[in-house]
Structure formats: C-alpha cells, structure tokens
Amino acid sequence: MSRERNRKGEGSIYQRKDGYWVAQIYIGKKANGKHDYKRKSFKDYDDAVAWKATVLADQQLNHSYIVNNQLKPTLGHCSLTALETSQLQTLLNDQLQSGLSNRMVELFLITARSALRKAVEEGHVTVNIADTVHKQRWPEAKTKSYGQLDQR
C-alpha cells in the first residue's frame, strides 16, 4: 500500500541509516534557483514530528499576520479581478523603503503569491499577478559593532 505524498511545504520526516530521524521542510528557493530546506535531526521520531508541527504553525502565524496587518489594509479595497501588478509592486517597494528587511518583504510576496495561486485554482481570477512582480533588493543597513559605538 503506497502512502500519500505530503503537499509542498508540509515537509517530511525520514530515518537515516545511522538511526536518527530527520524532519525537513521546504522553505523556498535560494538565489541560485536551487531548493532550500530547513532540516533538523532527532534521536526520536516523536521529537521530529513535534518540531515539524511547531515550525509549520509558526509559518502559518507569519502568513496570517502579513495578510491581516499588511495586505488587507493596503490592497483590501480592490477586488481580486481589479488588482494590478503595479499595486502589489508599489506596496513591496514602499515596504522596502520604509526600512523593512529584504526577507520580510519577500515573505509579503510569497504570501501574496500563495493567496493568488489559490484564487486561480478556485476560478476567482485567471492570472496570478504576483508571478509578474519583480523583487527589488535594497542594500542591507550597515550595523555598527559595539566597539565602533564606544569610539565616538
């Protein structure tokens, strides 16, 4: 009897030859285009299951926060069919300029893509406009070490 595969993002747990259990969750793609995973090894299967559940719950909480506190207030006035790429691009650029990290803005885009992909699957829209948005990278703020601050 074959086991049903986990959907993308749900992660997996497998046992290595040395007896350790590895919990793994797909978290996206690296800059070079290769898949990126978050992995952790455990001696006990139950610990691996608990870790995977905790990480997935944290991801769900992050996506809920982004939707409720960022995407809905700024784009919620538009219907899905009237939403344009330029509106989403402007939101992301504004967030970068306001000082949010590149990673946080990338999470905005990931969340919007996921939501719009679901809307396409359900037939609410025909095209996922988030797929055409370009990630613009801003230079990370340079932080000073404690030694540099003491020299003033």
C-alpha atoms as a PDB file:
ATOM      1  CA  MET A   1       0.000   0.000   0.000  1.00  0.00           C
ATOM      2  CA  SER A   2       1.505   3.322  -1.028  1.00  0.00           C
ATOM      3  CA  ARG A   3       1.482   6.339   1.228  1.00  0.00           C
ATOM      4  CA  GLU A   4       0.061   9.655   0.046  1.00  0.00           C
ATOM      5  CA  ARG A   5       2.721  12.291  -0.564  1.00  0.00           C
ATOM      6  CA  ASN A   6       2.878  15.442   1.512  1.00  0.00           C
ATOM      7  CA  ARG A   7       1.952  18.619  -0.323  1.00  0.00           C
ATOM      8  CA  LYS A   8       4.679  21.168  -0.984  1.00  0.00           C
ATOM      9  CA  GLY A   9       5.537  22.998   2.221  1.00  0.00           C
ATOM     10  CA  GLU A  10       4.229  20.324   4.574  1.00  0.00           C
ATOM     11  CA  GLY A  11       7.655  18.796   4.988  1.00  0.00           C
ATOM     12  CA  SER A  12       8.734  15.250   5.538  1.00  0.00           C
ATOM     13  CA  ILE A  13      10.305  13.013   8.150  1.00  0.00           C
ATOM     14  CA  TYR A  14      12.659  10.192   7.265  1.00  0.00           C
ATOM     15  CA  GLN A  15      15.122   7.937   9.026  1.00  0.00           C
ATOM     16  CA  ARG A  16      18.816   7.930   8.167  1.00  0.00           C
ATOM     17  CA  LYS A  17      20.986   4.817   8.127  1.00  0.00           C
ATOM     18  CA  ASP A  18      22.500   5.787  11.498  1.00  0.00           C
ATOM     19  CA  GLY A  19      19.049   5.619  13.121  1.00  0.00           C
ATOM     20  CA  TYR A  20      18.474   9.350  13.514  1.00  0.00           C
ATOM     21  CA  TRP A  21      15.233  10.931  12.290  1.00  0.00           C
ATOM     22  CA  VAL A  22      15.363  13.999  10.054  1.00  0.00           C
ATOM     23  CA  ALA A  23      12.493  16.472   9.842  1.00  0.00           C
ATOM     24  CA  GLN A  24      12.655  18.609   6.718  1.00  0.00           C
ATOM     25  CA  ILE A  25      10.502  21.492   5.443  1.00  0.00           C
ATOM     26  CA  TYR A  26      10.767  23.187   2.054  1.00  0.00           C
ATOM     27  CA  ILE A  27      11.173  26.942   2.614  1.00  0.00           C
ATOM     28  CA  GLY A  28      11.687  28.273  -0.904  1.00  0.00           C
ATOM     29  CA  LYS A  29      14.406  28.734  -3.458  1.00  0.00           C
ATOM     30  CA  LYS A  30      17.905  30.046  -2.962  1.00  0.00           C
ATOM     31  CA  ALA A  31      19.284  32.922  -5.034  1.00  0.00           C
ATOM     32  CA  ASN A  32      20.895  30.378  -7.378  1.00  0.00           C
ATOM     33  CA  GLY A  33      17.498  28.750  -8.049  1.00  0.00           C
ATOM     34  CA  LYS A  34      18.079  25.558  -6.048  1.00  0.00           C
ATOM     35  CA  HIS A  35      15.540  24.371  -3.499  1.00  0.00           C
ATOM     36  CA  ASP A  36      16.142  25.373   0.122  1.00  0.00           C
ATOM     37  CA  TYR A  37      15.101  23.261   3.086  1.00  0.00           C
ATOM     38  CA  LYS A  38      15.071  23.666   6.832  1.00  0.00           C
ATOM     39  CA  ARG A  39      16.282  20.408   8.392  1.00  0.00           C
ATOM     40  CA  LYS A  40      16.841  19.145  11.897  1.00  0.00           C
ATOM     41  CA  SER A  41      17.945  15.721  13.199  1.00  0.00           C
ATOM     42  CA  PHE A  42      16.442  13.918  16.187  1.00  0.00           C
ATOM     43  CA  LYS A  43      17.060  10.646  18.012  1.00  0.00           C
ATOM     44  CA  ASP A  44      13.323  10.139  18.495  1.00  0.00           C
ATOM     45  CA  TYR A  45      10.597  10.148  15.815  1.00  0.00           C
ATOM     46  CA  ASP A  46       8.126  11.927  18.117  1.00  0.00           C
ATOM     47  CA  ASP A  47      10.556  14.824  18.621  1.00  0.00           C
ATOM     48  CA  ALA A  48      10.866  15.208  14.852  1.00  0.00           C
ATOM     49  CA  VAL A  49       7.072  15.299  14.467  1.00  0.00           C
ATOM     50  CA  ALA A  50       6.754  17.900  17.240  1.00  0.00           C
ATOM     51  CA  TRP A  51       9.460  20.130  15.706  1.00  0.00           C
ATOM     52  CA  LYS A  52       7.870  19.955  12.258  1.00  0.00           C
ATOM     53  CA  ALA A  53       4.452  20.849  13.683  1.00  0.00           C
ATOM     54  CA  THR A  54       5.914  23.815  15.566  1.00  0.00           C
ATOM     55  CA  VAL A  55       7.718  25.195  12.517  1.00  0.00           C
ATOM     56  CA  LEU A  56       4.630  24.824  10.314  1.00  0.00           C
ATOM     57  CA  ALA A  57       2.464  26.554  12.947  1.00  0.00           C
ATOM     58  CA  ASP A  58       4.946  29.448  13.100  1.00  0.00           C
ATOM     59  CA  GLN A  59       4.839  29.776   9.302  1.00  0.00           C
ATOM     60  CA  GLN A  60       1.031  29.866   9.354  1.00  0.00           C
ATOM     61  CA  LEU A  61       1.106  32.552  12.052  1.00  0.00           C
ATOM     62  CA  ASN A  62       3.506  34.671   9.955  1.00  0.00           C
ATOM     63  CA  HIS A  63       1.294  34.405   6.873  1.00  0.00           C
ATOM     64  CA  SER A  64      -1.809  35.344   8.892  1.00  0.00           C
ATOM     65  CA  TYR A  65      -0.027  38.387  10.309  1.00  0.00           C
ATOM     66  CA  ILE A  66       1.072  39.538   6.851  1.00  0.00           C
ATOM     67  CA  VAL A  67      -2.406  39.127   5.386  1.00  0.00           C
ATOM     68  CA  ASN A  68      -4.272  40.804   8.247  1.00  0.00           C
ATOM     69  CA  ASN A  69      -1.828  43.630   9.008  1.00  0.00           C
ATOM     70  CA  GLN A  70      -0.218  44.432   5.668  1.00  0.00           C
ATOM     71  CA  LEU A  71      -2.002  43.087   2.588  1.00  0.00           C
ATOM     72  CA  LYS A  72      -5.643  43.590   3.614  1.00  0.00           C
ATOM     73  CA  PRO A  73      -5.264  47.184   4.863  1.00  0.00           C
ATOM     74  CA  THR A  74      -3.403  48.333   1.736  1.00  0.00           C
ATOM     75  CA  LEU A  75      -4.919  46.181  -1.015  1.00  0.00           C
ATOM     76  CA  GLY A  76      -8.193  45.067   0.569  1.00  0.00           C
ATOM     77  CA  HIS A  77     -10.207  47.831  -1.127  1.00  0.00           C
ATOM     78  CA  CYS A  78      -9.583  46.250  -4.564  1.00  0.00           C
ATOM     79  CA  SER A  79     -11.467  43.237  -5.833  1.00  0.00           C
ATOM     80  CA  LEU A  80      -9.298  40.317  -6.933  1.00  0.00           C
ATOM     81  CA  THR A  81     -10.167  40.878 -10.577  1.00  0.00           C
ATOM     82  CA  ALA A  82      -9.274  44.590 -10.382  1.00  0.00           C
ATOM     83  CA  LEU A  83      -5.942  44.039  -8.611  1.00  0.00           C
ATOM     84  CA  GLU A  84      -2.973  45.037 -10.766  1.00  0.00           C
ATOM     85  CA  THR A  85       0.682  44.097 -10.701  1.00  0.00           C
ATOM     86  CA  SER A  86       1.673  47.736 -10.243  1.00  0.00           C
ATOM     87  CA  GLN A  87      -0.318  47.969  -6.999  1.00  0.00           C
ATOM     88  CA  LEU A  88       1.452  44.969  -5.476  1.00  0.00           C
ATOM     89  CA  GLN A  89       4.826  46.163  -6.783  1.00  0.00           C
ATOM     90  CA  THR A  90       4.250  49.612  -5.229  1.00  0.00           C
ATOM     91  CA  LEU A  91       3.341  48.036  -1.884  1.00  0.00           C
ATOM     92  CA  LEU A  92       6.526  45.964  -1.838  1.00  0.00           C
ATOM     93  CA  ASN A  93       8.727  48.900  -2.876  1.00  0.00           C
ATOM     94  CA  ASP A  94       7.142  51.126  -0.208  1.00  0.00           C
ATOM     95  CA  GLN A  95       7.767  48.475   2.446  1.00  0.00           C
ATOM     96  CA  LEU A  96      11.429  48.224   1.422  1.00  0.00           C
ATOM     97  CA  GLN A  97      11.845  51.989   1.517  1.00  0.00           C
ATOM     98  CA  SER A  98      10.181  52.176   4.939  1.00  0.00           C
ATOM     99  CA  GLY A  99      13.004  50.072   6.343  1.00  0.00           C
ATOM    100  CA  LEU A 100      11.636  46.530   6.364  1.00  0.00           C
ATOM    101  CA  SER A 101      14.190  43.833   5.688  1.00  0.00           C
ATOM    102  CA  ASN A 102      14.503  42.202   2.286  1.00  0.00           C
ATOM    103  CA  ARG A 103      13.396  38.902   3.829  1.00  0.00           C
ATOM    104  CA  MET A 104      10.217  40.368   5.333  1.00  0.00           C
ATOM    105  CA  VAL A 105       9.239  41.936   2.008  1.00  0.00           C
ATOM    106  CA  GLU A 106       9.992  38.624   0.318  1.00  0.00           C
ATOM    107  CA  LEU A 107       7.557  36.983   2.758  1.00  0.00           C
ATOM    108  CA  PHE A 108       4.908  39.530   1.683  1.00  0.00           C
ATOM    109  CA  LEU A 109       5.419  38.443  -1.912  1.00  0.00           C
ATOM    110  CA  ILE A 110       5.384  34.735  -1.031  1.00  0.00           C
ATOM    111  CA  THR A 111       2.133  35.185   0.887  1.00  0.00           C
ATOM    112  CA  ALA A 112       0.512  37.165  -1.936  1.00  0.00           C
ATOM    113  CA  ARG A 113       1.611  34.562  -4.497  1.00  0.00           C
ATOM    114  CA  SER A 114       0.174  31.738  -2.406  1.00  0.00           C
ATOM    115  CA  ALA A 115      -3.148  33.503  -1.886  1.00  0.00           C
ATOM    116  CA  LEU A 116      -3.477  34.419  -5.552  1.00  0.00           C
ATOM    117  CA  ARG A 117      -2.484  30.898  -6.633  1.00  0.00           C
ATOM    118  CA  LYS A 118      -5.381  29.609  -4.537  1.00  0.00           C
ATOM    119  CA  ALA A 119      -7.689  32.199  -6.166  1.00  0.00           C
ATOM    120  CA  VAL A 120      -6.629  30.949  -9.616  1.00  0.00           C
ATOM    121  CA  GLU A 121      -7.274  27.322  -8.586  1.00  0.00           C
ATOM    122  CA  GLU A 122     -10.758  28.244  -7.345  1.00  0.00           C
ATOM    123  CA  GLY A 123     -11.532  30.217 -10.507  1.00  0.00           C
ATOM    124  CA  HIS A 124     -11.820  33.682  -8.926  1.00  0.00           C
ATOM    125  CA  VAL A 125      -9.111  35.077 -11.226  1.00  0.00           C
ATOM    126  CA  THR A 126      -7.464  33.769 -14.371  1.00  0.00           C
ATOM    127  CA  VAL A 127      -3.895  35.007 -13.823  1.00  0.00           C
ATOM    128  CA  ASN A 128      -1.715  35.199 -10.726  1.00  0.00           C
ATOM    129  CA  ILE A 129      -0.448  38.786 -10.951  1.00  0.00           C
ATOM    130  CA  ALA A 130       2.073  38.169  -8.163  1.00  0.00           C
ATOM    131  CA  ASP A 131       4.068  35.944 -10.532  1.00  0.00           C
ATOM    132  CA  THR A 132       4.985  39.008 -12.600  1.00  0.00           C
ATOM    133  CA  VAL A 133       6.149  41.138  -9.658  1.00  0.00           C
ATOM    134  CA  HIS A 134       9.898  41.742  -9.560  1.00  0.00           C
ATOM    135  CA  LYS A 135      11.778  41.540  -6.303  1.00  0.00           C
ATOM    136  CA  GLN A 136      13.833  44.663  -5.858  1.00  0.00           C
ATOM    137  CA  ARG A 137      16.743  44.264  -3.475  1.00  0.00           C
ATOM    138  CA  TRP A 138      17.798  47.159  -1.339  1.00  0.00           C
ATOM    139  CA  PRO A 139      21.167  47.200   0.350  1.00  0.00           C
ATOM    140  CA  GLU A 140      21.003  45.943   3.914  1.00  0.00           C
ATOM    141  CA  ALA A 141      21.598  48.589   6.547  1.00  0.00           C
ATOM    142  CA  LYS A 142      25.129  48.519   7.863  1.00  0.00           C
ATOM    143  CA  THR A 143      25.187  47.926  11.577  1.00  0.00           C
ATOM    144  CA  LYS A 144      27.906  49.184  13.822  1.00  0.00           C
ATOM    145  CA  SER A 145      29.605  46.970  16.338  1.00  0.00           C
ATOM    146  CA  TYR A 146      29.737  47.890  19.996  1.00  0.00           C
ATOM    147  CA  GLY A 147      33.411  48.806  19.613  1.00  0.00           C
ATOM    148  CA  GLN A 148      32.623  51.391  16.918  1.00  0.00           C
ATOM    149  CA  LEU A 149      29.920  52.958  19.081  1.00  0.00           C
ATOM    150  CA  ASP A 150      32.286  53.291  22.054  1.00  0.00           C
ATOM    151  CA  GLN A 151      34.882  55.153  19.963  1.00  0.00           C
ATOM    152  CA  ARG A 152      32.684  58.227  19.491  1.00  0.00           C
END
